[in-house]
Amino acid sequence: MSERKILVVAHAHRDDTVDAAVRVVGLLRSSGAVPVLASEDRAELAAIAPVLGEVPELGTDIALADIDLAIVLGGDGTILRAAELVRAGTAPVLGINMGHVGFLAEIERDAMDAAVHRAIEGDYVVEERLALDVRVKDRSGRVVYETWALNEATVEKDSRERMIEVVMEIDGRPLSTFGADGVVIATPTGSTAYNFSAGGPVIWPTVQAIAVVPLSAHALFARPLVVGPEHAVAVEVLEGTGASAVLWCDGRRSHPLPPGARVSVRRSLRPVRLARLHPAAFTDRLVRKFKLSVTGWRGPVGPTATGVIDSVEPPLPEEPA
């Protein structure tokens, strides 16, 4: 088998992340794999840890098509950046949480060594997550911007003083016109991100759906909606109010939306691929990440049809027969 080429994605903003990057690169090399760094990461990390300046660079030394896996050191923001880096390839993303909420991360940093060895061996399953294709048209109908999102596409007002007037459309049919601070269009993966903060529903990753959540809307029928992945959602920024907006995708890519702009969102034909080492139930992930109380639960502890239940609370003793 040819040596595996593994992209390491990390930033230099925290000392523990830099130390972790040095350790992961060392583990990869000692196991016969080839570590790779993105150009920006290599420059920033090498300024603190010069040994990382010797790592091959993505796109210059190693082509994206040759990358087998991306190992991400950080929180969800870094994982989103990694998904962006490998978007045009086929490499799945394995997240190692470095102390953040890390909903997308697969493991915590204290299990990093074992995770890296399993990654080198290819001992993981790949989970495909629904992503969104996003297109912006100007008032003349000309496409002026195209991008994608793993978590959400958000149309937001760009001024604190003025709300925007929008009309929401589903499958080419108008649904409702209202004034609001914006509209969040989220995937199941993004349902625990901006969508959650805006009062939208938490959607299990196995559910193929798109959530549409108005932000501080002034209308009777401006409630969160959940539509199937085959449906197309559009939001138009109405003219006449003089208010403009901005499109944000995953909080990373933005585009201005003048009055008359139209944002169309639909399921992408290319999902985002996440590497998973443990078949943990999504319920347990919610309990862990949000520190939810489950005191009083009397259910079973052990393997289930959907994964492995973590015993987050000691089981209560059985009542006598």
C-alpha atoms as a PDB file:
ATOM      1  CA  MET A   1       0.000   0.000   0.000  1.00  0.00           C
ATOM      2  CA  SER A   2       1.367   3.443  -0.912  1.00  0.00           C
ATOM      3  CA  GLU A   3       2.190   5.771   1.959  1.00  0.00           C
ATOM      4  CA  ARG A   4      -0.797   7.743   3.158  1.00  0.00           C
ATOM      5  CA  LYS A   5      -0.734  11.497   2.703  1.00  0.00           C
ATOM      6  CA  ILE A   6      -2.537  13.226   5.551  1.00  0.00           C
ATOM      7  CA  LEU A   7      -3.338  16.914   5.751  1.00  0.00           C
ATOM      8  CA  VAL A   8      -2.896  18.412   9.230  1.00  0.00           C
ATOM      9  CA  VAL A   9      -5.046  21.499   9.800  1.00  0.00           C
ATOM     10  CA  ALA A  10      -4.201  23.693  12.797  1.00  0.00           C
ATOM     11  CA  HIS A  11      -3.660  27.351  13.593  1.00  0.00           C
ATOM     12  CA  ALA A  12      -0.876  29.019  15.550  1.00  0.00           C
ATOM     13  CA  HIS A  13      -3.107  31.037  17.887  1.00  0.00           C
ATOM     14  CA  ARG A  14      -2.708  28.668  20.849  1.00  0.00           C
ATOM     15  CA  ASP A  15       0.448  27.078  22.209  1.00  0.00           C
ATOM     16  CA  ASP A  16      -1.271  23.744  22.887  1.00  0.00           C
ATOM     17  CA  THR A  17      -2.441  23.566  19.269  1.00  0.00           C
ATOM     18  CA  VAL A  18       1.090  24.198  17.987  1.00  0.00           C
ATOM     19  CA  ASP A  19       2.434  21.506  20.329  1.00  0.00           C
ATOM     20  CA  ALA A  20      -0.278  19.125  19.118  1.00  0.00           C
ATOM     21  CA  ALA A  21       0.620  19.846  15.478  1.00  0.00           C
ATOM     22  CA  VAL A  22       4.278  19.010  16.159  1.00  0.00           C
ATOM     23  CA  ARG A  23       3.257  15.789  17.896  1.00  0.00           C
ATOM     24  CA  VAL A  24       0.847  14.692  15.143  1.00  0.00           C
ATOM     25  CA  VAL A  25       3.400  15.417  12.410  1.00  0.00           C
ATOM     26  CA  GLY A  26       5.953  13.349  14.339  1.00  0.00           C
ATOM     27  CA  LEU A  27       3.521  10.462  14.776  1.00  0.00           C
ATOM     28  CA  LEU A  28       2.667  10.485  11.084  1.00  0.00           C
ATOM     29  CA  ARG A  29       6.302  10.463  10.026  1.00  0.00           C
ATOM     30  CA  SER A  30       7.303   7.716  12.464  1.00  0.00           C
ATOM     31  CA  SER A  31       4.453   5.554  11.135  1.00  0.00           C
ATOM     32  CA  GLY A  32       5.451   5.990   7.497  1.00  0.00           C
ATOM     33  CA  ALA A  33       2.747   8.473   6.510  1.00  0.00           C
ATOM     34  CA  VAL A  34       3.367  11.828   4.850  1.00  0.00           C
ATOM     35  CA  PRO A  35       2.120  14.874   6.798  1.00  0.00           C
ATOM     36  CA  VAL A  36       1.002  17.856   4.712  1.00  0.00           C
ATOM     37  CA  LEU A  37       0.190  21.439   5.720  1.00  0.00           C
ATOM     38  CA  ALA A  38      -1.754  24.161   3.937  1.00  0.00           C
ATOM     39  CA  SER A  39       0.446  27.094   2.915  1.00  0.00           C
ATOM     40  CA  GLU A  40      -0.988  29.582   5.415  1.00  0.00           C
ATOM     41  CA  ASP A  41      -0.849  27.096   8.284  1.00  0.00           C
ATOM     42  CA  ARG A  42       2.727  26.096   7.526  1.00  0.00           C
ATOM     43  CA  ALA A  43       3.932  29.692   7.498  1.00  0.00           C
ATOM     44  CA  GLU A  44       2.250  30.552  10.815  1.00  0.00           C
ATOM     45  CA  LEU A  45       3.147  27.317  12.589  1.00  0.00           C
ATOM     46  CA  ALA A  46       6.760  27.283  11.371  1.00  0.00           C
ATOM     47  CA  ALA A  47       7.283  30.759  12.822  1.00  0.00           C
ATOM     48  CA  ILE A  48       6.720  29.206  16.255  1.00  0.00           C
ATOM     49  CA  ALA A  49       7.881  25.620  15.636  1.00  0.00           C
ATOM     50  CA  PRO A  50      10.530  25.697  12.856  1.00  0.00           C
ATOM     51  CA  VAL A  51      10.417  21.907  12.441  1.00  0.00           C
ATOM     52  CA  LEU A  52       7.010  22.322  10.803  1.00  0.00           C
ATOM     53  CA  GLY A  53       8.586  24.388   8.030  1.00  0.00           C
ATOM     54  CA  GLU A  54       9.920  21.112   6.581  1.00  0.00           C
ATOM     55  CA  VAL A  55       6.434  19.638   6.104  1.00  0.00           C
ATOM     56  CA  PRO A  56       5.275  19.367   2.444  1.00  0.00           C
ATOM     57  CA  GLU A  57       2.832  22.036   1.333  1.00  0.00           C
ATOM     58  CA  LEU A  58      -0.650  21.334   0.000  1.00  0.00           C
ATOM     59  CA  GLY A  59      -1.013  22.208  -3.671  1.00  0.00           C
ATOM     60  CA  THR A  60       2.712  22.836  -4.146  1.00  0.00           C
ATOM     61  CA  ASP A  61       4.374  19.619  -2.991  1.00  0.00           C
ATOM     62  CA  ILE A  62       1.314  17.383  -2.635  1.00  0.00           C
ATOM     63  CA  ALA A  63      -1.822  17.642  -4.784  1.00  0.00           C
ATOM     64  CA  LEU A  64      -5.217  17.775  -3.092  1.00  0.00           C
ATOM     65  CA  ALA A  65      -6.287  14.703  -5.085  1.00  0.00           C
ATOM     66  CA  ASP A  66      -3.556  12.702  -3.310  1.00  0.00           C
ATOM     67  CA  ILE A  67      -4.702  13.584   0.215  1.00  0.00           C
ATOM     68  CA  ASP A  68      -6.258  10.566   1.976  1.00  0.00           C
ATOM     69  CA  LEU A  69      -7.461  12.267   5.151  1.00  0.00           C
ATOM     70  CA  ALA A  70      -7.459  15.620   6.939  1.00  0.00           C
ATOM     71  CA  ILE A  71      -6.704  15.606  10.677  1.00  0.00           C
ATOM     72  CA  VAL A  72      -7.967  18.784  12.309  1.00  0.00           C
ATOM     73  CA  LEU A  73      -6.665  20.160  15.603  1.00  0.00           C
ATOM     74  CA  GLY A  74      -9.140  22.657  16.997  1.00  0.00           C
ATOM     75  CA  GLY A  75     -12.812  23.436  17.367  1.00  0.00           C
ATOM     76  CA  ASP A  76     -15.652  23.615  14.900  1.00  0.00           C
ATOM     77  CA  GLY A  77     -14.289  26.736  13.203  1.00  0.00           C
ATOM     78  CA  THR A  78     -11.062  24.934  12.311  1.00  0.00           C
ATOM     79  CA  ILE A  79     -13.026  21.899  11.113  1.00  0.00           C
ATOM     80  CA  LEU A  80     -15.112  24.148   8.853  1.00  0.00           C
ATOM     81  CA  ARG A  81     -11.887  25.588   7.449  1.00  0.00           C
ATOM     82  CA  ALA A  82     -10.562  22.080   6.826  1.00  0.00           C
ATOM     83  CA  ALA A  83     -13.775  21.129   5.021  1.00  0.00           C
ATOM     84  CA  GLU A  84     -13.225  24.174   2.834  1.00  0.00           C
ATOM     85  CA  LEU A  85      -9.617  23.146   2.094  1.00  0.00           C
ATOM     86  CA  VAL A  86     -10.577  19.620   0.962  1.00  0.00           C
ATOM     87  CA  ARG A  87     -13.893  20.572  -0.669  1.00  0.00           C
ATOM     88  CA  ALA A  88     -12.650  19.887  -4.193  1.00  0.00           C
ATOM     89  CA  GLY A  89     -11.187  16.500  -3.203  1.00  0.00           C
ATOM     90  CA  THR A  90     -12.439  13.313  -1.581  1.00  0.00           C
ATOM     91  CA  ALA A  91     -10.539  13.276   1.732  1.00  0.00           C
ATOM     92  CA  PRO A  92     -12.711  12.930   4.866  1.00  0.00           C
ATOM     93  CA  VAL A  93     -12.127  15.181   7.869  1.00  0.00           C
ATOM     94  CA  LEU A  94     -11.220  13.859  11.343  1.00  0.00           C
ATOM     95  CA  GLY A  95     -11.589  16.426  14.114  1.00  0.00           C
ATOM     96  CA  ILE A  96      -9.592  16.358  17.358  1.00  0.00           C
ATOM     97  CA  ASN A  97     -11.126  18.773  19.847  1.00  0.00           C
ATOM     98  CA  MET A  98      -8.656  21.140  21.494  1.00  0.00           C
ATOM     99  CA  GLY A  99     -10.793  22.452  24.324  1.00  0.00           C
ATOM    100  CA  HIS A 100     -13.804  23.994  22.576  1.00  0.00           C
ATOM    101  CA  VAL A 101     -17.409  22.840  22.392  1.00  0.00           C
ATOM    102  CA  GLY A 102     -16.367  21.006  19.238  1.00  0.00           C
ATOM    103  CA  PHE A 103     -19.643  19.512  18.019  1.00  0.00           C
ATOM    104  CA  LEU A 104     -18.009  18.343  14.803  1.00  0.00           C
ATOM    105  CA  ALA A 105     -14.907  16.943  16.495  1.00  0.00           C
ATOM    106  CA  GLU A 106     -14.724  13.176  16.763  1.00  0.00           C
ATOM    107  CA  ILE A 107     -12.474  12.848  19.814  1.00  0.00           C
ATOM    108  CA  GLU A 108     -10.847  14.841  22.605  1.00  0.00           C
ATOM    109  CA  ARG A 109      -7.156  15.681  22.615  1.00  0.00           C
ATOM    110  CA  ASP A 110      -6.301  13.205  25.387  1.00  0.00           C
ATOM    111  CA  ALA A 111      -7.008  10.399  22.890  1.00  0.00           C
ATOM    112  CA  MET A 112      -4.945  12.027  20.125  1.00  0.00           C
ATOM    113  CA  ASP A 113      -2.148   9.444  19.798  1.00  0.00           C
ATOM    114  CA  ALA A 114      -4.497   6.490  19.452  1.00  0.00           C
ATOM    115  CA  ALA A 115      -6.650   8.434  16.994  1.00  0.00           C
ATOM    116  CA  VAL A 116      -3.679   9.267  14.777  1.00  0.00           C
ATOM    117  CA  HIS A 117      -2.559   5.633  14.668  1.00  0.00           C
ATOM    118  CA  ARG A 118      -6.069   4.521  13.709  1.00  0.00           C
ATOM    119  CA  ALA A 119      -6.191   7.244  11.062  1.00  0.00           C
ATOM    120  CA  ILE A 120      -2.949   6.020   9.536  1.00  0.00           C
ATOM    121  CA  GLU A 121      -4.349   2.478   9.376  1.00  0.00           C
ATOM    122  CA  GLY A 122      -7.581   3.718   7.820  1.00  0.00           C
ATOM    123  CA  ASP A 123      -9.491   2.358  10.816  1.00  0.00           C
ATOM    124  CA  TYR A 124     -12.490   4.668  10.619  1.00  0.00           C
ATOM    125  CA  VAL A 125     -15.853   4.959   8.914  1.00  0.00           C
ATOM    126  CA  VAL A 126     -16.848   7.887   6.724  1.00  0.00           C
ATOM    127  CA  GLU A 127     -20.064   9.737   7.480  1.00  0.00           C
ATOM    128  CA  GLU A 128     -21.502  11.905   4.709  1.00  0.00           C
ATOM    129  CA  ARG A 129     -23.166  15.132   5.846  1.00  0.00           C
ATOM    130  CA  LEU A 130     -25.639  17.143   3.799  1.00  0.00           C
ATOM    131  CA  ALA A 131     -24.178  20.399   2.472  1.00  0.00           C
ATOM    132  CA  LEU A 132     -25.791  23.377   0.746  1.00  0.00           C
ATOM    133  CA  ASP A 133     -25.126  25.015  -2.610  1.00  0.00           C
ATOM    134  CA  VAL A 134     -25.714  28.765  -2.405  1.00  0.00           C
ATOM    135  CA  ARG A 135     -26.202  31.174  -5.316  1.00  0.00           C
ATOM    136  CA  VAL A 136     -26.713  34.949  -5.327  1.00  0.00           C
ATOM    137  CA  LYS A 137     -28.407  36.849  -8.155  1.00  0.00           C
ATOM    138  CA  ASP A 138     -28.614  40.608  -8.494  1.00  0.00           C
ATOM    139  CA  ARG A 139     -31.832  42.511  -9.302  1.00  0.00           C
ATOM    140  CA  SER A 140     -31.346  41.813 -13.018  1.00  0.00           C
ATOM    141  CA  GLY A 141     -31.193  38.048 -12.436  1.00  0.00           C
ATOM    142  CA  ARG A 142     -27.465  37.757 -13.104  1.00  0.00           C
ATOM    143  CA  VAL A 143     -25.549  35.241 -10.948  1.00  0.00           C
ATOM    144  CA  VAL A 144     -22.926  37.262  -9.070  1.00  0.00           C
ATOM    145  CA  TYR A 145     -21.730  34.812  -6.420  1.00  0.00           C
ATOM    146  CA  GLU A 146     -21.727  31.068  -5.776  1.00  0.00           C
ATOM    147  CA  THR A 147     -20.513  29.167  -2.731  1.00  0.00           C
ATOM    148  CA  TRP A 148     -21.479  26.323  -0.374  1.00  0.00           C
ATOM    149  CA  ALA A 149     -22.099  25.703   3.308  1.00  0.00           C
ATOM    150  CA  LEU A 150     -21.825  22.801   5.746  1.00  0.00           C
ATOM    151  CA  ASN A 151     -23.562  24.502   8.693  1.00  0.00           C
ATOM    152  CA  GLU A 152     -25.716  27.302   7.357  1.00  0.00           C
ATOM    153  CA  ALA A 153     -26.284  30.115   4.884  1.00  0.00           C
ATOM    154  CA  THR A 154     -27.526  33.279   6.597  1.00  0.00           C
ATOM    155  CA  VAL A 155     -29.038  36.415   5.101  1.00  0.00           C
ATOM    156  CA  GLU A 156     -28.493  39.178   7.679  1.00  0.00           C
ATOM    157  CA  LYS A 157     -29.013  42.897   7.878  1.00  0.00           C
ATOM    158  CA  ASP A 158     -25.724  44.775   7.565  1.00  0.00           C
ATOM    159  CA  SER A 159     -26.749  47.701   9.748  1.00  0.00           C
ATOM    160  CA  ARG A 160     -27.738  47.574  13.413  1.00  0.00           C
ATOM    161  CA  GLU A 161     -30.260  50.377  12.962  1.00  0.00           C
ATOM    162  CA  ARG A 162     -32.450  48.969  10.211  1.00  0.00           C
ATOM    163  CA  MET A 163     -34.101  45.604   9.708  1.00  0.00           C
ATOM    164  CA  ILE A 164     -34.441  44.169   6.221  1.00  0.00           C
ATOM    165  CA  GLU A 165     -37.627  43.290   4.366  1.00  0.00           C
ATOM    166  CA  VAL A 166     -37.473  39.841   2.796  1.00  0.00           C
ATOM    167  CA  VAL A 167     -39.758  37.494   0.944  1.00  0.00           C
ATOM    168  CA  MET A 168     -39.227  33.784   1.494  1.00  0.00           C
ATOM    169  CA  GLU A 169     -39.818  31.279  -1.277  1.00  0.00           C
ATOM    170  CA  ILE A 170     -40.021  27.479  -1.321  1.00  0.00           C
ATOM    171  CA  ASP A 171     -39.770  25.626  -4.648  1.00  0.00           C
ATOM    172  CA  GLY A 172     -40.429  28.733  -6.712  1.00  0.00           C
ATOM    173  CA  ARG A 173     -43.553  29.716  -4.772  1.00  0.00           C
ATOM    174  CA  PRO A 174     -43.701  32.730  -2.427  1.00  0.00           C
ATOM    175  CA  LEU A 175     -44.397  31.829   1.211  1.00  0.00           C
ATOM    176  CA  SER A 176     -44.213  34.992   3.318  1.00  0.00           C
ATOM    177  CA  THR A 177     -42.963  38.572   3.312  1.00  0.00           C
ATOM    178  CA  PHE A 178     -41.714  40.047   6.578  1.00  0.00           C
ATOM    179  CA  GLY A 179     -39.282  42.391   8.224  1.00  0.00           C
ATOM    180  CA  ALA A 180     -36.484  40.715  10.180  1.00  0.00           C
ATOM    181  CA  ASP A 181     -32.881  40.814  11.243  1.00  0.00           C
ATOM    182  CA  GLY A 182     -32.301  37.957   8.815  1.00  0.00           C
ATOM    183  CA  VAL A 183     -32.975  34.330   7.917  1.00  0.00           C
ATOM    184  CA  VAL A 184     -30.870  31.267   8.758  1.00  0.00           C
ATOM    185  CA  ILE A 185     -30.986  28.297   6.360  1.00  0.00           C
ATOM    186  CA  ALA A 186     -29.292  25.393   8.138  1.00  0.00           C
ATOM    187  CA  THR A 187     -28.320  21.770   7.584  1.00  0.00           C
ATOM    188  CA  PRO A 188     -28.696  19.073  10.260  1.00  0.00           C
ATOM    189  CA  THR A 189     -24.985  19.557  10.989  1.00  0.00           C
ATOM    190  CA  GLY A 190     -25.585  23.274  11.502  1.00  0.00           C
ATOM    191  CA  SER A 191     -28.697  22.742  13.609  1.00  0.00           C
ATOM    192  CA  THR A 192     -26.587  22.931  16.784  1.00  0.00           C
ATOM    193  CA  ALA A 193     -24.810  26.103  15.641  1.00  0.00           C
ATOM    194  CA  TYR A 194     -26.400  29.439  14.604  1.00  0.00           C
ATOM    195  CA  ASN A 195     -29.741  27.714  14.006  1.00  0.00           C
ATOM    196  CA  PHE A 196     -29.794  26.547  17.628  1.00  0.00           C
ATOM    197  CA  SER A 197     -29.012  30.023  18.966  1.00  0.00           C
ATOM    198  CA  ALA A 198     -31.815  31.459  16.817  1.00  0.00           C
ATOM    199  CA  GLY A 199     -34.400  29.077  18.273  1.00  0.00           C
ATOM    200  CA  GLY A 200     -34.399  26.540  15.456  1.00  0.00           C
ATOM    201  CA  PRO A 201     -34.815  22.794  15.947  1.00  0.00           C
ATOM    202  CA  VAL A 202     -31.999  20.358  16.662  1.00  0.00           C
ATOM    203  CA  ILE A 203     -31.967  17.888  13.770  1.00  0.00           C
ATOM    204  CA  TRP A 204     -30.309  14.488  14.041  1.00  0.00           C
ATOM    205  CA  PRO A 205     -27.455  14.097  11.497  1.00  0.00           C
ATOM    206  CA  THR A 206     -29.167  11.061   9.962  1.00  0.00           C
ATOM    207  CA  VAL A 207     -32.193  13.170   9.028  1.00  0.00           C
ATOM    208  CA  GLN A 208     -32.005  14.626   5.538  1.00  0.00           C
ATOM    209  CA  ALA A 209     -33.604  18.045   5.967  1.00  0.00           C
ATOM    210  CA  ILE A 210     -33.077  21.793   5.768  1.00  0.00           C
ATOM    211  CA  ALA A 211     -34.167  24.182   8.538  1.00  0.00           C
ATOM    212  CA  VAL A 212     -35.300  27.748   7.761  1.00  0.00           C
ATOM    213  CA  VAL A 213     -35.316  30.089  10.776  1.00  0.00           C
ATOM    214  CA  PRO A 214     -36.272  33.800  10.641  1.00  0.00           C
ATOM    215  CA  LEU A 215     -34.285  36.077  12.964  1.00  0.00           C
ATOM    216  CA  SER A 216     -36.341  38.458  15.112  1.00  0.00           C
ATOM    217  CA  ALA A 217     -39.077  38.551  12.490  1.00  0.00           C
ATOM    218  CA  HIS A 218     -42.005  40.980  12.641  1.00  0.00           C
ATOM    219  CA  ALA A 219     -44.735  38.742  11.227  1.00  0.00           C
ATOM    220  CA  LEU A 220     -47.365  36.296  12.397  1.00  0.00           C
ATOM    221  CA  PHE A 221     -46.186  33.474  10.128  1.00  0.00           C
ATOM    222  CA  ALA A 222     -42.448  33.653  10.597  1.00  0.00           C
ATOM    223  CA  ARG A 223     -41.759  30.435  12.453  1.00  0.00           C
ATOM    224  CA  PRO A 224     -38.948  27.918  11.973  1.00  0.00           C
ATOM    225  CA  LEU A 225     -39.628  25.552   9.090  1.00  0.00           C
ATOM    226  CA  VAL A 226     -38.139  22.168   8.232  1.00  0.00           C
ATOM    227  CA  VAL A 227     -38.236  21.101   4.581  1.00  0.00           C
ATOM    228  CA  GLY A 228     -36.987  18.023   2.783  1.00  0.00           C
ATOM    229  CA  PRO A 229     -33.614  18.057   1.010  1.00  0.00           C
ATOM    230  CA  GLU A 230     -35.269  17.996  -2.416  1.00  0.00           C
ATOM    231  CA  HIS A 231     -36.825  21.426  -1.830  1.00  0.00           C
ATOM    232  CA  ALA A 232     -35.229  24.717  -2.889  1.00  0.00           C
ATOM    233  CA  VAL A 233     -35.290  27.725  -0.558  1.00  0.00           C
ATOM    234  CA  ALA A 234     -34.858  31.317  -1.697  1.00  0.00           C
ATOM    235  CA  VAL A 235     -34.743  34.631   0.165  1.00  0.00           C
ATOM    236  CA  GLU A 236     -35.117  37.939  -1.656  1.00  0.00           C
ATOM    237  CA  VAL A 237     -34.080  41.270  -0.131  1.00  0.00           C
ATOM    238  CA  LEU A 238     -36.896  43.601  -1.096  1.00  0.00           C
ATOM    239  CA  GLU A 239     -36.322  46.966  -2.681  1.00  0.00           C
ATOM    240  CA  GLY A 240     -38.004  50.100  -1.421  1.00  0.00           C
ATOM    241  CA  THR A 241     -36.763  50.092   2.176  1.00  0.00           C
ATOM    242  CA  GLY A 242     -33.225  51.103   1.256  1.00  0.00           C
ATOM    243  CA  ALA A 243     -31.848  48.462   3.622  1.00  0.00           C
ATOM    244  CA  SER A 244     -29.116  46.149   2.370  1.00  0.00           C
ATOM    245  CA  ALA A 245     -27.986  42.815   3.729  1.00  0.00           C
ATOM    246  CA  VAL A 246     -25.058  40.420   3.716  1.00  0.00           C
ATOM    247  CA  LEU A 247     -24.829  36.694   3.053  1.00  0.00           C
ATOM    248  CA  TRP A 248     -22.681  34.613   5.423  1.00  0.00           C
ATOM    249  CA  CYS A 249     -21.908  30.945   4.852  1.00  0.00           C
ATOM    250  CA  ASP A 250     -20.544  29.012   7.845  1.00  0.00           C
ATOM    251  CA  GLY A 251     -19.422  32.338   9.277  1.00  0.00           C
ATOM    252  CA  ARG A 252     -16.442  32.175   6.904  1.00  0.00           C
ATOM    253  CA  ARG A 253     -17.504  33.384   3.458  1.00  0.00           C
ATOM    254  CA  SER A 254     -19.569  36.512   2.875  1.00  0.00           C
ATOM    255  CA  HIS A 255     -21.061  38.542   0.044  1.00  0.00           C
ATOM    256  CA  PRO A 256     -22.948  41.867   0.125  1.00  0.00           C
ATOM    257  CA  LEU A 257     -26.649  41.781  -0.768  1.00  0.00           C
ATOM    258  CA  PRO A 258     -28.000  45.092  -2.085  1.00  0.00           C
ATOM    259  CA  PRO A 259     -31.775  45.640  -2.263  1.00  0.00           C
ATOM    260  CA  GLY A 260     -33.217  43.383  -4.959  1.00  0.00           C
ATOM    261  CA  ALA A 261     -30.669  40.594  -4.404  1.00  0.00           C
ATOM    262  CA  ARG A 262     -31.862  36.989  -4.330  1.00  0.00           C
ATOM    263  CA  VAL A 263     -30.222  34.115  -2.436  1.00  0.00           C
ATOM    264  CA  SER A 264     -31.081  30.582  -3.599  1.00  0.00           C
ATOM    265  CA  VAL A 265     -30.173  27.587  -1.437  1.00  0.00           C
ATOM    266  CA  ARG A 266     -30.507  23.911  -2.210  1.00  0.00           C
ATOM    267  CA  ARG A 267     -28.921  20.621  -1.281  1.00  0.00           C
ATOM    268  CA  SER A 268     -25.446  20.147  -2.714  1.00  0.00           C
ATOM    269  CA  LEU A 269     -24.731  17.074  -4.786  1.00  0.00           C
ATOM    270  CA  ARG A 270     -21.389  16.873  -2.957  1.00  0.00           C
ATOM    271  CA  PRO A 271     -21.702  16.066   0.764  1.00  0.00           C
ATOM    272  CA  VAL A 272     -19.028  16.794   3.363  1.00  0.00           C
ATOM    273  CA  ARG A 273     -17.249  13.624   4.500  1.00  0.00           C
ATOM    274  CA  LEU A 274     -16.418  13.227   8.198  1.00  0.00           C
ATOM    275  CA  ALA A 275     -14.205  10.419   9.518  1.00  0.00           C
ATOM    276  CA  ARG A 276     -15.628   8.682  12.589  1.00  0.00           C
ATOM    277  CA  LEU A 277     -13.717   6.433  14.974  1.00  0.00           C
ATOM    278  CA  HIS A 278     -16.528   5.750  17.439  1.00  0.00           C
ATOM    279  CA  PRO A 279     -20.202   4.983  16.700  1.00  0.00           C
ATOM    280  CA  ALA A 280     -21.437   7.182  19.563  1.00  0.00           C
ATOM    281  CA  ALA A 281     -25.125   8.058  19.607  1.00  0.00           C
ATOM    282  CA  PHE A 282     -25.940  11.678  18.739  1.00  0.00           C
ATOM    283  CA  THR A 283     -27.994  11.855  21.950  1.00  0.00           C
ATOM    284  CA  ASP A 284     -24.812  11.294  23.962  1.00  0.00           C
ATOM    285  CA  ARG A 285     -23.025  13.993  21.981  1.00  0.00           C
ATOM    286  CA  LEU A 286     -25.789  16.464  22.878  1.00  0.00           C
ATOM    287  CA  VAL A 287     -25.583  15.508  26.558  1.00  0.00           C
ATOM    288  CA  ARG A 288     -21.783  15.835  26.602  1.00  0.00           C
ATOM    289  CA  LYS A 289     -21.447  19.060  24.657  1.00  0.00           C
ATOM    290  CA  PHE A 290     -24.327  20.942  26.276  1.00  0.00           C
ATOM    291  CA  LYS A 291     -23.715  19.371  29.706  1.00  0.00           C
ATOM    292  CA  LEU A 292     -27.364  18.340  29.919  1.00  0.00           C
ATOM    293  CA  SER A 293     -28.675  16.832  33.122  1.00  0.00           C
ATOM    294  CA  VAL A 294     -30.015  13.299  32.776  1.00  0.00           C
ATOM    295  CA  THR A 295     -30.473  12.695  36.493  1.00  0.00           C
ATOM    296  CA  GLY A 296     -33.256  10.202  37.125  1.00  0.00           C
ATOM    297  CA  TRP A 297     -32.891   8.338  33.831  1.00  0.00           C
ATOM    298  CA  ARG A 298     -33.551   4.607  34.350  1.00  0.00           C
ATOM    299  CA  GLY A 299     -32.943   3.297  30.855  1.00  0.00           C
ATOM    300  CA  PRO A 300     -30.408   0.662  29.707  1.00  0.00           C
ATOM    301  CA  VAL A 301     -26.671   1.244  29.562  1.00  0.00           C
ATOM    302  CA  GLY A 302     -24.778  -0.472  26.775  1.00  0.00           C
ATOM    303  CA  PRO A 303     -24.876  -0.980  22.986  1.00  0.00           C
ATOM    304  CA  THR A 304     -27.928   0.267  21.129  1.00  0.00           C
ATOM    305  CA  ALA A 305     -29.128   0.106  17.562  1.00  0.00           C
ATOM    306  CA  THR A 306     -27.756   3.585  16.905  1.00  0.00           C
ATOM    307  CA  GLY A 307     -24.449   3.440  18.706  1.00  0.00           C
ATOM    308  CA  VAL A 308     -22.908   3.085  22.126  1.00  0.00           C
ATOM    309  CA  ILE A 309     -24.448   4.838  25.092  1.00  0.00           C
ATOM    310  CA  ASP A 310     -21.974   6.588  27.361  1.00  0.00           C
ATOM    311  CA  SER A 311     -22.912   6.198  31.011  1.00  0.00           C
ATOM    312  CA  VAL A 312     -23.117   9.919  31.726  1.00  0.00           C
ATOM    313  CA  GLU A 313     -24.847   9.288  35.073  1.00  0.00           C
ATOM    314  CA  PRO A 314     -24.448   6.274  37.377  1.00  0.00           C
ATOM    315  CA  PRO A 315     -27.295   3.814  36.732  1.00  0.00           C
ATOM    316  CA  LEU A 316     -29.900   3.633  39.459  1.00  0.00           C
ATOM    317  CA  PRO A 317     -30.293   0.287  41.278  1.00  0.00           C
ATOM    318  CA  GLU A 318     -33.033  -2.002  40.053  1.00  0.00           C
ATOM    319  CA  GLU A 319     -36.175  -2.162  42.150  1.00  0.00           C
ATOM    320  CA  PRO A 320     -36.786  -5.518  43.841  1.00  0.00           C
ATOM    321  CA  ALA A 321     -39.139  -7.823  41.992  1.00  0.00           C
END
